[in-house]
PDB file of all heavy atoms in Angstrom:
ATOM      1  N   THR A   1       0.156 -10.114  -8.859  1.00  0.00           N
ATOM      2  CA  THR A   1      -0.487 -10.857  -7.778  1.00  0.00           C
ATOM      3  C   THR A   1       0.147 -10.435  -6.400  1.00  0.00           C
ATOM      4  O   THR A   1       1.361 -10.527  -6.270  1.00  0.00           O
ATOM      5  CB  THR A   1      -0.395 -12.359  -7.935  1.00  0.00           C
ATOM      6  OG1 THR A   1      -1.097 -12.751  -9.129  1.00  0.00           O
ATOM      7  CG2 THR A   1      -0.933 -13.110  -6.761  1.00  0.00           C
ATOM      8  N   ALA A   2      -0.677  -9.994  -5.496  1.00  0.00           N
ATOM      9  CA  ALA A   2      -0.180  -9.542  -4.231  1.00  0.00           C
ATOM     10  C   ALA A   2      -1.371  -9.104  -3.352  1.00  0.00           C
ATOM     11  O   ALA A   2      -2.466  -8.999  -3.858  1.00  0.00           O
ATOM     12  CB  ALA A   2       0.778  -8.355  -4.376  1.00  0.00           C
ATOM     13  N   ALA A   3      -1.074  -8.877  -2.109  1.00  0.00           N
ATOM     14  CA  ALA A   3      -1.988  -8.195  -1.218  1.00  0.00           C
ATOM     15  C   ALA A   3      -1.742  -6.682  -1.376  1.00  0.00           C
ATOM     16  O   ALA A   3      -0.622  -6.220  -1.282  1.00  0.00           O
ATOM     17  CB  ALA A   3      -1.786  -8.623   0.234  1.00  0.00           C
ATOM     18  N   TYR A   4      -2.779  -5.931  -1.674  1.00  0.00           N
ATOM     19  CA  TYR A   4      -2.634  -4.508  -1.911  1.00  0.00           C
ATOM     20  C   TYR A   4      -3.151  -3.708  -0.685  1.00  0.00           C
ATOM     21  O   TYR A   4      -4.237  -3.969  -0.175  1.00  0.00           O
ATOM     22  CB  TYR A   4      -3.470  -4.103  -3.139  1.00  0.00           C
ATOM     23  CG  TYR A   4      -2.753  -4.498  -4.465  1.00  0.00           C
ATOM     24  CD1 TYR A   4      -2.646  -5.796  -4.836  1.00  0.00           C
ATOM     25  CD2 TYR A   4      -2.187  -3.511  -5.252  1.00  0.00           C
ATOM     26  CE1 TYR A   4      -2.031  -6.158  -6.021  1.00  0.00           C
ATOM     27  CE2 TYR A   4      -1.525  -3.838  -6.437  1.00  0.00           C
ATOM     28  CZ  TYR A   4      -1.435  -5.164  -6.830  1.00  0.00           C
ATOM     29  OH  TYR A   4      -0.826  -5.509  -7.936  1.00  0.00           O
ATOM     30  N   TYR A   5      -2.398  -2.729  -0.333  1.00  0.00           N
ATOM     31  CA  TYR A   5      -2.673  -1.904   0.840  1.00  0.00           C
ATOM     32  C   TYR A   5      -2.659  -0.436   0.460  1.00  0.00           C
ATOM     33  O   TYR A   5      -1.891   0.007  -0.409  1.00  0.00           O
ATOM     34  CB  TYR A   5      -1.623  -2.120   1.928  1.00  0.00           C
ATOM     35  CG  TYR A   5      -1.490  -3.536   2.459  1.00  0.00           C
ATOM     36  CD1 TYR A   5      -0.676  -4.433   1.791  1.00  0.00           C
ATOM     37  CD2 TYR A   5      -2.160  -3.933   3.563  1.00  0.00           C
ATOM     38  CE1 TYR A   5      -0.559  -5.762   2.200  1.00  0.00           C
ATOM     39  CE2 TYR A   5      -2.013  -5.232   4.044  1.00  0.00           C
ATOM     40  CZ  TYR A   5      -1.222  -6.125   3.348  1.00  0.00           C
ATOM     41  OH  TYR A   5      -1.116  -7.426   3.805  1.00  0.00           O
ATOM     42  N   CYS A   6      -3.522   0.317   1.105  1.00  0.00           N
ATOM     43  CA  CYS A   6      -3.454   1.811   0.962  1.00  0.00           C
ATOM     44  C   CYS A   6      -2.980   2.419   2.255  1.00  0.00           C
ATOM     45  O   CYS A   6      -3.152   1.867   3.377  1.00  0.00           O
ATOM     46  CB  CYS A   6      -4.766   2.400   0.515  1.00  0.00           C
ATOM     47  SG  CYS A   6      -6.129   2.288   1.669  1.00  0.00           S
ATOM     48  N   ALA A   7      -2.376   3.578   2.142  1.00  0.00           N
ATOM     49  CA  ALA A   7      -1.834   4.258   3.278  1.00  0.00           C
ATOM     50  C   ALA A   7      -1.716   5.757   3.003  1.00  0.00           C
ATOM     51  O   ALA A   7      -1.731   6.150   1.832  1.00  0.00           O
ATOM     52  CB  ALA A   7      -0.480   3.680   3.698  1.00  0.00           C
ATOM     53  N   ALA A   8      -1.597   6.543   4.056  1.00  0.00           N
ATOM     54  CA  ALA A   8      -1.498   7.989   3.917  1.00  0.00           C
ATOM     55  C   ALA A   8      -0.205   8.511   4.496  1.00  0.00           C
ATOM     56  O   ALA A   8       0.294   7.970   5.462  1.00  0.00           O
ATOM     57  CB  ALA A   8      -2.720   8.660   4.530  1.00  0.00           C
ATOM     58  N   SER A   9       0.306   9.618   3.916  1.00  0.00           N
ATOM     59  CA  SER A   9       1.512  10.208   4.386  1.00  0.00           C
ATOM     60  C   SER A   9       1.385  11.737   4.301  1.00  0.00           C
ATOM     61  O   SER A   9       0.720  12.272   3.425  1.00  0.00           O
ATOM     62  CB  SER A   9       2.704   9.728   3.522  1.00  0.00           C
ATOM     63  OG  SER A   9       3.902  10.388   3.902  1.00  0.00           O
ATOM     64  N   LEU A  10       2.088  12.383   5.199  1.00  0.00           N
ATOM     65  CA  LEU A  10       2.197  13.852   5.115  1.00  0.00           C
ATOM     66  C   LEU A  10       3.344  14.324   4.196  1.00  0.00           C
ATOM     67  O   LEU A  10       3.476  15.487   3.951  1.00  0.00           O
ATOM     68  CB  LEU A  10       2.438  14.428   6.490  1.00  0.00           C
ATOM     69  CG  LEU A  10       1.272  14.317   7.491  1.00  0.00           C
ATOM     70  CD1 LEU A  10       1.658  14.787   8.848  1.00  0.00           C
ATOM     71  CD2 LEU A  10       0.033  15.017   7.001  1.00  0.00           C
ATOM     72  N   LEU A  11       4.091  13.342   3.674  1.00  0.00           N
ATOM     73  CA  LEU A  11       5.192  13.677   2.757  1.00  0.00           C
ATOM     74  C   LEU A  11       4.762  13.429   1.313  1.00  0.00           C
ATOM     75  O   LEU A  11       4.178  12.411   0.957  1.00  0.00           O
ATOM     76  CB  LEU A  11       6.380  12.833   3.062  1.00  0.00           C
ATOM     77  CG  LEU A  11       7.016  12.977   4.462  1.00  0.00           C
ATOM     78  CD1 LEU A  11       8.122  12.042   4.610  1.00  0.00           C
ATOM     79  CD2 LEU A  11       7.475  14.418   4.694  1.00  0.00           C
ATOM     80  N   ALA A  12       5.101  14.405   0.477  1.00  0.00           N
ATOM     81  CA  ALA A  12       4.801  14.299  -0.962  1.00  0.00           C
ATOM     82  C   ALA A  12       5.952  13.579  -1.651  1.00  0.00           C
ATOM     83  O   ALA A  12       7.096  13.680  -1.247  1.00  0.00           O
ATOM     84  CB  ALA A  12       4.594  15.673  -1.559  1.00  0.00           C
ATOM     85  N   TYR A  13       5.622  12.835  -2.679  1.00  0.00           N
ATOM     86  CA  TYR A  13       6.537  12.195  -3.576  1.00  0.00           C
ATOM     87  C   TYR A  13       7.285  11.023  -2.972  1.00  0.00           C
ATOM     88  O   TYR A  13       8.160  10.446  -3.636  1.00  0.00           O
ATOM     89  CB  TYR A  13       7.570  13.195  -4.117  1.00  0.00           C
ATOM     90  CG  TYR A  13       6.961  14.415  -4.758  1.00  0.00           C
ATOM     91  CD1 TYR A  13       7.032  15.686  -4.133  1.00  0.00           C
ATOM     92  CD2 TYR A  13       6.221  14.311  -5.941  1.00  0.00           C
ATOM     93  CE1 TYR A  13       6.441  16.756  -4.690  1.00  0.00           C
ATOM     94  CE2 TYR A  13       5.632  15.428  -6.508  1.00  0.00           C
ATOM     95  CZ  TYR A  13       5.746  16.682  -5.876  1.00  0.00           C
ATOM     96  OH  TYR A  13       5.129  17.741  -6.452  1.00  0.00           O
ATOM     97  N   SER A  14       6.904  10.622  -1.778  1.00  0.00           N
ATOM     98  CA  SER A  14       7.584   9.445  -1.172  1.00  0.00           C
ATOM     99  C   SER A  14       7.121   8.142  -1.791  1.00  0.00           C
ATOM    100  O   SER A  14       5.931   7.994  -2.172  1.00  0.00           O
ATOM    101  CB  SER A  14       7.298   9.408   0.347  1.00  0.00           C
ATOM    102  OG  SER A  14       7.843   8.296   0.914  1.00  0.00           O
ATOM    103  N   LYS A  15       8.027   7.210  -1.867  1.00  0.00           N
ATOM    104  CA  LYS A  15       7.745   5.856  -2.314  1.00  0.00           C
ATOM    105  C   LYS A  15       8.083   4.855  -1.204  1.00  0.00           C
ATOM    106  O   LYS A  15       8.137   3.650  -1.475  1.00  0.00           O
ATOM    107  CB  LYS A  15       8.462   5.513  -3.603  1.00  0.00           C
ATOM    108  CG  LYS A  15       8.016   6.373  -4.801  1.00  0.00           C
ATOM    109  CD  LYS A  15       8.720   5.927  -6.074  1.00  0.00           C
ATOM    110  CE  LYS A  15       8.333   6.713  -7.285  1.00  0.00           C
ATOM    111  NZ  LYS A  15       8.998   6.257  -8.501  1.00  0.00           N
ATOM    112  N   SER A  16       8.398   5.312  -0.053  1.00  0.00           N
ATOM    113  CA  SER A  16       8.851   4.472   1.039  1.00  0.00           C
ATOM    114  C   SER A  16       7.713   4.182   1.994  1.00  0.00           C
ATOM    115  O   SER A  16       7.002   5.066   2.495  1.00  0.00           O
ATOM    116  CB  SER A  16       9.976   5.162   1.809  1.00  0.00           C
ATOM    117  OG  SER A  16      10.345   4.435   2.955  1.00  0.00           O
ATOM    118  N   ALA A  17       7.508   2.911   2.261  1.00  0.00           N
ATOM    119  CA  ALA A  17       6.523   2.517   3.286  1.00  0.00           C
ATOM    120  C   ALA A  17       6.742   3.100   4.619  1.00  0.00           C
ATOM    121  O   ALA A  17       5.760   3.333   5.371  1.00  0.00           O
ATOM    122  CB  ALA A  17       6.462   0.968   3.330  1.00  0.00           C
ATOM    123  N   ASP A  18       7.978   3.411   4.947  1.00  0.00           N
ATOM    124  CA  ASP A  18       8.275   3.984   6.235  1.00  0.00           C
ATOM    125  C   ASP A  18       7.695   5.377   6.424  1.00  0.00           C
ATOM    126  O   ASP A  18       7.555   5.820   7.555  1.00  0.00           O
ATOM    127  CB  ASP A  18       9.806   4.074   6.414  1.00  0.00           C
ATOM    128  CG  ASP A  18      10.449   2.746   6.544  1.00  0.00           C
ATOM    129  OD1 ASP A  18       9.777   1.730   6.886  1.00  0.00           O
ATOM    130  OD2 ASP A  18      11.687   2.642   6.290  1.00  0.00           O
ATOM    131  N   ASP A  19       7.339   6.048   5.366  1.00  0.00           N
ATOM    132  CA  ASP A  19       6.803   7.388   5.421  1.00  0.00           C
ATOM    133  C   ASP A  19       5.274   7.417   5.450  1.00  0.00           C
ATOM    134  O   ASP A  19       4.671   8.495   5.554  1.00  0.00           O
ATOM    135  CB  ASP A  19       7.236   8.197   4.228  1.00  0.00           C
ATOM    136  CG  ASP A  19       8.737   8.496   4.238  1.00  0.00           C
ATOM    137  OD1 ASP A  19       9.316   8.599   5.346  1.00  0.00           O
ATOM    138  OD2 ASP A  19       9.331   8.631   3.137  1.00  0.00           O
ATOM    139  N   PHE A  20       4.670   6.242   5.439  1.00  0.00           N
ATOM    140  CA  PHE A  20       3.197   6.159   5.402  1.00  0.00           C
ATOM    141  C   PHE A  20       2.651   5.532   6.651  1.00  0.00           C
ATOM    142  O   PHE A  20       3.302   4.673   7.270  1.00  0.00           O
ATOM    143  CB  PHE A  20       2.766   5.357   4.159  1.00  0.00           C
ATOM    144  CG  PHE A  20       2.894   6.095   2.890  1.00  0.00           C
ATOM    145  CD1 PHE A  20       4.135   6.201   2.276  1.00  0.00           C
ATOM    146  CD2 PHE A  20       1.821   6.741   2.269  1.00  0.00           C
ATOM    147  CE1 PHE A  20       4.305   6.893   1.068  1.00  0.00           C
ATOM    148  CE2 PHE A  20       1.934   7.429   1.079  1.00  0.00           C
ATOM    149  CZ  PHE A  20       3.188   7.511   0.510  1.00  0.00           C
ATOM    150  N   GLY A  21       1.452   5.930   6.997  1.00  0.00           N
ATOM    151  CA  GLY A  21       0.814   5.399   8.176  1.00  0.00           C
ATOM    152  C   GLY A  21      -0.663   5.205   7.865  1.00  0.00           C
ATOM    153  O   GLY A  21      -1.087   5.304   6.719  1.00  0.00           O
ATOM    154  N   SER A  22      -1.447   4.918   8.929  1.00  0.00           N
ATOM    155  CA  SER A  22      -2.902   4.668   8.780  1.00  0.00           C
ATOM    156  C   SER A  22      -3.176   3.569   7.718  1.00  0.00           C
ATOM    157  O   SER A  22      -4.054   3.734   6.879  1.00  0.00           O
ATOM    158  CB  SER A  22      -3.623   5.966   8.433  1.00  0.00           C
ATOM    159  OG  SER A  22      -3.441   6.940   9.398  1.00  0.00           O
ATOM    160  N   TRP A  23      -2.439   2.550   7.781  1.00  0.00           N
ATOM    161  CA  TRP A  23      -2.566   1.418   6.828  1.00  0.00           C
ATOM    162  C   TRP A  23      -3.921   0.726   6.909  1.00  0.00           C
ATOM    163  O   TRP A  23      -4.429   0.523   8.039  1.00  0.00           O
ATOM    164  CB  TRP A  23      -1.435   0.409   7.046  1.00  0.00           C
ATOM    165  CG  TRP A  23      -0.069   0.906   6.734  1.00  0.00           C
ATOM    166  CD1 TRP A  23       0.785   1.520   7.577  1.00  0.00           C
ATOM    167  CD2 TRP A  23       0.597   0.874   5.482  1.00  0.00           C
ATOM    168  NE1 TRP A  23       1.957   1.837   6.939  1.00  0.00           N
ATOM    169  CE2 TRP A  23       1.884   1.447   5.610  1.00  0.00           C
ATOM    170  CE3 TRP A  23       0.211   0.350   4.199  1.00  0.00           C
ATOM    171  CZ2 TRP A  23       2.791   1.541   4.622  1.00  0.00           C
ATOM    172  CZ3 TRP A  23       1.180   0.457   3.172  1.00  0.00           C
ATOM    173  CH2 TRP A  23       2.376   1.081   3.377  1.00  0.00           C
ATOM    174  N   GLY A  24      -4.425   0.334   5.769  1.00  0.00           N
ATOM    175  CA  GLY A  24      -5.557  -0.531   5.774  1.00  0.00           C
ATOM    176  C   GLY A  24      -5.207  -1.974   5.951  1.00  0.00           C
ATOM    177  O   GLY A  24      -4.014  -2.327   6.148  1.00  0.00           O
ATOM    178  N   GLN A  25      -6.190  -2.860   5.930  1.00  0.00           N
ATOM    179  CA  GLN A  25      -5.957  -4.309   6.163  1.00  0.00           C
ATOM    180  C   GLN A  25      -5.528  -5.075   4.917  1.00  0.00           C
ATOM    181  O   GLN A  25      -5.110  -6.183   5.002  1.00  0.00           O
ATOM    182  CB  GLN A  25      -7.193  -4.932   6.803  1.00  0.00           C
ATOM    183  CG  GLN A  25      -7.489  -4.351   8.153  1.00  0.00           C
ATOM    184  CD  GLN A  25      -6.382  -4.534   9.145  1.00  0.00           C
ATOM    185  OE1 GLN A  25      -5.890  -5.677   9.347  1.00  0.00           O
ATOM    186  NE2 GLN A  25      -5.930  -3.421   9.699  1.00  0.00           N
ATOM    187  N   GLY A  26      -5.719  -4.463   3.775  1.00  0.00           N
ATOM    188  CA  GLY A  26      -5.344  -5.056   2.508  1.00  0.00           C
ATOM    189  C   GLY A  26      -6.422  -5.768   1.818  1.00  0.00           C
ATOM    190  O   GLY A  26      -7.434  -6.202   2.411  1.00  0.00           O
ATOM    191  N   THR A  27      -6.287  -5.879   0.478  1.00  0.00           N
ATOM    192  CA  THR A  27      -7.179  -6.663  -0.325  1.00  0.00           C
ATOM    193  C   THR A  27      -6.373  -7.537  -1.318  1.00  0.00           C
ATOM    194  O   THR A  27      -5.423  -6.989  -1.919  1.00  0.00           O
ATOM    195  CB  THR A  27      -8.213  -5.755  -1.042  1.00  0.00           C
ATOM    196  OG1 THR A  27      -9.147  -6.543  -1.796  1.00  0.00           O
ATOM    197  CG2 THR A  27      -7.536  -4.770  -2.010  1.00  0.00           C
ATOM    198  N   GLN A  28      -6.733  -8.735  -1.502  1.00  0.00           N
ATOM    199  CA  GLN A  28      -5.911  -9.656  -2.283  1.00  0.00           C
ATOM    200  C   GLN A  28      -6.259  -9.546  -3.775  1.00  0.00           C
ATOM    201  O   GLN A  28      -7.452  -9.615  -4.102  1.00  0.00           O
ATOM    202  CB  GLN A  28      -6.127 -11.099  -1.803  1.00  0.00           C
ATOM    203  CG  GLN A  28      -5.321 -12.128  -2.601  1.00  0.00           C
ATOM    204  CD  GLN A  28      -3.849 -11.993  -2.403  1.00  0.00           C
ATOM    205  OE1 GLN A  28      -3.367 -11.696  -1.305  1.00  0.00           O
ATOM    206  NE2 GLN A  28      -3.051 -12.261  -3.479  1.00  0.00           N
ATOM    207  N   VAL A  29      -5.224  -9.486  -4.592  1.00  0.00           N
ATOM    208  CA  VAL A  29      -5.350  -9.499  -6.037  1.00  0.00           C
ATOM    209  C   VAL A  29      -4.595 -10.689  -6.524  1.00  0.00           C
ATOM    210  O   VAL A  29      -3.411 -10.850  -6.287  1.00  0.00           O
ATOM    211  CB  VAL A  29      -4.828  -8.231  -6.702  1.00  0.00           C
ATOM    212  CG1 VAL A  29      -4.807  -8.329  -8.209  1.00  0.00           C
ATOM    213  CG2 VAL A  29      -5.695  -7.020  -6.287  1.00  0.00           C
ATOM    214  N   THR A  30      -5.265 -11.574  -7.243  1.00  0.00           N
ATOM    215  CA  THR A  30      -4.622 -12.775  -7.805  1.00  0.00           C
ATOM    216  C   THR A  30      -4.841 -12.758  -9.295  1.00  0.00           C
ATOM    217  O   THR A  30      -6.041 -12.732  -9.751  1.00  0.00           O
ATOM    218  CB  THR A  30      -5.162 -14.033  -7.191  1.00  0.00           C
ATOM    219  OG1 THR A  30      -4.960 -13.975  -5.744  1.00  0.00           O
ATOM    220  CG2 THR A  30      -4.438 -15.249  -7.749  1.00  0.00           C
ATOM    221  N   VAL A  31      -3.793 -12.838 -10.058  1.00  0.00           N
ATOM    222  CA  VAL A  31      -3.881 -12.823 -11.554  1.00  0.00           C
ATOM    223  C   VAL A  31      -3.376 -14.169 -12.039  1.00  0.00           C
ATOM    224  O   VAL A  31      -2.237 -14.546 -11.807  1.00  0.00           O
ATOM    225  CB  VAL A  31      -3.030 -11.684 -12.103  1.00  0.00           C
ATOM    226  CG1 VAL A  31      -3.227 -11.656 -13.653  1.00  0.00           C
ATOM    227  CG2 VAL A  31      -3.438 -10.339 -11.499  1.00  0.00           C
ATOM    228  N   SER A  32      -4.230 -14.898 -12.695  1.00  0.00           N
ATOM    229  CA  SER A  32      -3.931 -16.170 -13.252  1.00  0.00           C
ATOM    230  C   SER A  32      -3.404 -16.126 -14.678  1.00  0.00           C
ATOM    231  O   SER A  32      -3.755 -15.169 -15.425  1.00  0.00           O
ATOM    232  CB  SER A  32      -5.121 -17.109 -13.169  1.00  0.00           C
ATOM    233  OG  SER A  32      -6.161 -16.645 -13.953  1.00  0.00           O
ATOM    234  N   SER A  33      -2.623 -17.097 -15.031  1.00  0.00           N
ATOM    235  CA  SER A  33      -2.085 -17.110 -16.448  1.00  0.00           C
ATOM    236  C   SER A  33      -3.154 -17.580 -17.410  1.00  0.00           C
ATOM    237  O   SER A  33      -4.081 -18.307 -17.059  1.00  0.00           O
ATOM    238  CB  SER A  33      -0.862 -18.052 -16.489  1.00  0.00           C
ATOM    239  OG  SER A  33       0.162 -17.604 -15.633  1.00  0.00           O
TER     240      SER A  33
END
Protein backbone atom coordinates (compact mmCIF):
# COMPACT_ATOMS: atom_id res chain seq x y z
CA THR A 1 0.00 0.00 0.00
CA ALA A 2 1.46 3.32 -1.12
CA ALA A 3 1.30 6.11 -3.62
CA TYR A 4 3.16 4.92 -6.70
CA TYR A 5 5.15 7.29 -8.90
CA CYS A 6 7.04 6.89 -12.14
CA ALA A 7 10.09 8.87 -13.14
CA ALA A 8 12.87 8.93 -15.70
CA SER A 9 16.64 9.07 -15.35
CA LEU A 10 19.62 9.29 -17.66
CA LEU A 11 21.49 6.95 -15.31
CA ALA A 12 21.25 3.19 -15.64
CA TYR A 13 20.89 0.87 -12.66
CA SER A 14 20.07 3.64 -10.21
CA LYS A 15 17.70 3.01 -7.33
CA SER A 16 17.96 6.51 -5.91
CA ALA A 17 15.11 8.99 -6.24
CA ASP A 18 17.73 11.73 -6.42
CA ASP A 19 18.79 10.45 -9.86
CA PHE A 20 15.30 10.63 -11.34
CA GLY A 21 13.29 13.51 -12.68
CA SER A 22 10.12 14.23 -14.66
CA TRP A 23 8.04 12.74 -11.86
CA GLY A 24 4.37 11.98 -12.34
CA GLN A 25 1.66 12.91 -9.86
CA GLY A 26 1.26 9.41 -8.51
CA THR A 27 -1.48 6.82 -8.30
CA GLN A 28 -2.70 5.30 -5.05
CA VAL A 29 -2.56 1.56 -4.43
CA THR A 30 -4.34 0.25 -1.37
CA VAL A 31 -4.19 -3.43 -0.43
CA SER A 32 -6.62 -4.65 2.19
CA SER A 33 -6.20 -7.70 4.41
